[in-house]
Protein backbone atom coordinates (compact mmCIF):
# COMPACT_ATOMS: atom_id res chain seq x y z
CA MET A 1 4.11 83.16 51.02
CA ASN A 2 3.45 86.66 49.47
CA HIS A 3 2.76 87.78 46.18
CA GLN A 4 6.42 89.15 45.65
CA GLN A 5 7.83 85.75 47.03
CA LYS A 6 5.85 83.84 44.43
CA LEU A 7 6.67 86.11 41.63
CA ILE A 8 10.29 85.91 42.28
CA ASN A 9 10.36 82.24 42.52
CA ILE A 10 8.30 82.11 38.81
CA LEU A 11 11.34 84.24 37.49
CA SER A 12 14.14 82.05 38.94
CA ALA A 13 12.64 79.06 38.04
CA GLY A 14 12.05 80.68 34.58
CA LEU A 15 15.78 81.99 34.39
CA ILE A 16 17.13 78.63 35.42
CA LEU A 17 15.15 76.65 32.89
CA SER A 18 15.81 78.86 30.15
CA MET A 19 19.81 78.53 31.32
CA MET A 20 19.54 74.82 31.12
CA ILE A 21 17.97 74.70 27.73
CA SER A 22 20.37 77.13 26.37
CA ALA A 23 23.19 75.18 27.84
CA THR A 24 22.41 71.76 26.44
CA GLY A 25 21.38 73.20 23.01
CA CYS A 26 25.05 74.52 22.56
CA TYR A 27 28.06 72.24 21.46
CA TYR A 28 30.75 72.17 19.11
CA ASP A 29 31.03 70.00 16.21
CA LYS A 30 33.89 69.19 14.48
CA GLU A 31 33.62 69.89 10.87
CA ALA A 32 36.00 66.68 10.12
CA LEU A 33 33.66 64.27 11.50
CA LEU A 34 30.44 65.76 10.28
CA TYR A 35 32.01 65.84 6.67
CA PRO A 36 35.00 63.65 6.15
CA GLY A 37 37.59 65.41 3.72
CA SER A 38 36.09 68.73 4.10
CA ASN A 39 39.02 70.62 5.81
CA GLN A 40 41.55 68.75 3.55
CA VAL A 41 44.16 71.36 1.95
CA VAL A 42 43.73 71.28 -1.85
CA ASP A 43 46.24 72.72 -4.10
CA CYS A 44 44.25 73.83 -6.72
CA ALA A 45 47.63 74.83 -8.65
CA THR A 46 47.71 71.15 -9.49
CA ILE A 47 44.04 70.60 -10.48
CA SER A 48 42.31 71.23 -13.64
CA ALA A 49 39.03 72.99 -13.04
CA LYS A 50 38.08 74.63 -16.23
CA PHE A 51 34.57 74.77 -16.67
CA SER A 52 34.07 73.56 -20.12
CA THR A 53 36.65 70.43 -19.91
CA ASP A 54 36.13 69.81 -16.24
CA VAL A 55 33.16 71.57 -14.46
CA SER A 56 30.31 71.35 -17.29
CA PRO A 57 30.80 67.72 -17.90
CA LEU A 58 31.14 66.84 -14.24
CA ILE A 59 27.85 68.54 -13.75
CA ALA A 60 25.94 67.07 -16.83
CA GLY A 61 26.91 63.63 -15.71
CA LYS A 62 26.18 63.99 -12.08
CA CYS A 63 23.71 66.77 -11.65
CA ALA A 64 21.98 67.70 -14.70
CA THR A 65 20.37 64.39 -14.96
CA SER A 66 16.96 63.49 -15.46
CA GLY A 67 14.97 63.93 -12.48
CA CYS A 68 17.13 66.37 -11.03
CA HIS A 69 19.14 69.87 -12.67
CA ASP A 70 17.92 68.92 -16.14
CA ALA A 71 15.50 71.00 -18.09
CA THR A 72 12.85 69.95 -16.18
CA ALA A 73 14.42 71.21 -12.78
CA SER A 74 12.83 68.86 -10.36
CA GLY A 75 15.88 69.38 -8.12
CA GLY A 76 14.81 73.53 -8.42
CA LEU A 77 17.43 74.85 -10.27
CA ILE A 78 18.68 73.82 -13.82
CA PHE A 79 22.20 73.06 -14.80
CA GLN A 80 22.70 73.09 -18.38
CA ASN A 81 25.14 76.36 -19.03
CA TYR A 82 27.64 78.58 -17.28
CA THR A 83 25.18 81.15 -16.64
CA GLN A 84 22.67 78.60 -14.62
CA VAL A 85 25.95 76.96 -12.57
CA SER A 86 27.77 79.78 -12.14
CA SER A 87 24.78 81.59 -10.60
CA ALA A 88 24.08 78.76 -8.31
CA LYS A 89 27.94 78.30 -7.01
CA ASP A 90 27.50 78.77 -3.65
CA ARG A 91 24.59 76.88 -3.14
CA ILE A 92 26.59 74.06 -5.18
CA ASN A 93 29.62 74.18 -2.94
CA ILE A 94 27.37 74.33 0.05
CA ARG A 95 25.55 71.14 -1.04
CA ALA A 96 27.98 69.26 -3.14
CA VAL A 97 31.64 70.46 -1.60
CA VAL A 98 31.02 71.10 2.38
CA GLU A 99 27.90 68.99 3.26
CA LYS A 100 28.49 66.35 0.34
CA SER A 101 24.34 65.74 0.39
CA MET A 102 24.34 66.18 -3.58
CA PRO A 103 23.68 64.77 -6.02
CA SER A 104 21.48 62.87 -3.89
CA ALA A 105 22.09 59.34 -5.16
CA ALA A 106 25.69 59.56 -3.69
CA PRO A 107 28.41 62.66 -2.72
CA LEU A 108 30.93 63.10 -5.36
CA GLN A 109 34.43 61.38 -5.49
CA PRO A 110 37.27 63.26 -3.89
CA SER A 111 38.47 64.35 -6.88
CA GLU A 112 35.28 65.72 -7.99
CA ILE A 113 34.65 67.97 -5.52
CA ASN A 114 38.22 69.43 -5.80
CA ILE A 115 37.34 70.11 -9.08
CA ILE A 116 34.23 72.09 -8.29
CA LYS A 117 36.00 73.64 -4.98
CA CYS A 118 38.90 75.03 -7.24
CA TRP A 119 36.83 76.34 -10.14
CA ILE A 120 34.75 78.37 -7.41
CA GLU A 121 37.62 79.26 -5.43
CA SER A 122 39.30 80.79 -8.70
CA GLY A 123 36.36 82.95 -9.19
CA ALA A 124 34.07 80.56 -11.07
CA PRO A 125 35.24 81.64 -14.77
CA ASN A 126 33.73 80.39 -17.79
CA ASN A 127 37.05 79.22 -19.31
């Protein structure tokens, strides 16, 4: 076998190997299976999602607790006022609404998720 044939064999094997790795690394996840309830349609017109009366108490009771998003910021971010919460709304949406990985003790209840989701979808107003 000459040098050129060896090179072609090595390149062919590398191409086949990379195609196999690529093919096994790609798959389609179903959001509904990964994050139950995340794809449910929510009618925000029927949900009270005001910052002062709905979102702030929810954040204070579930997120801005000792050792998490309180003044010590053990959770990395402080959630004690509108500015702090609204500036983190995208991160809150991902972690609490989509992934349901926050709060770390237990995910929020569907009604609590809907409050946050509707508040964010309405533009996260300071109301």
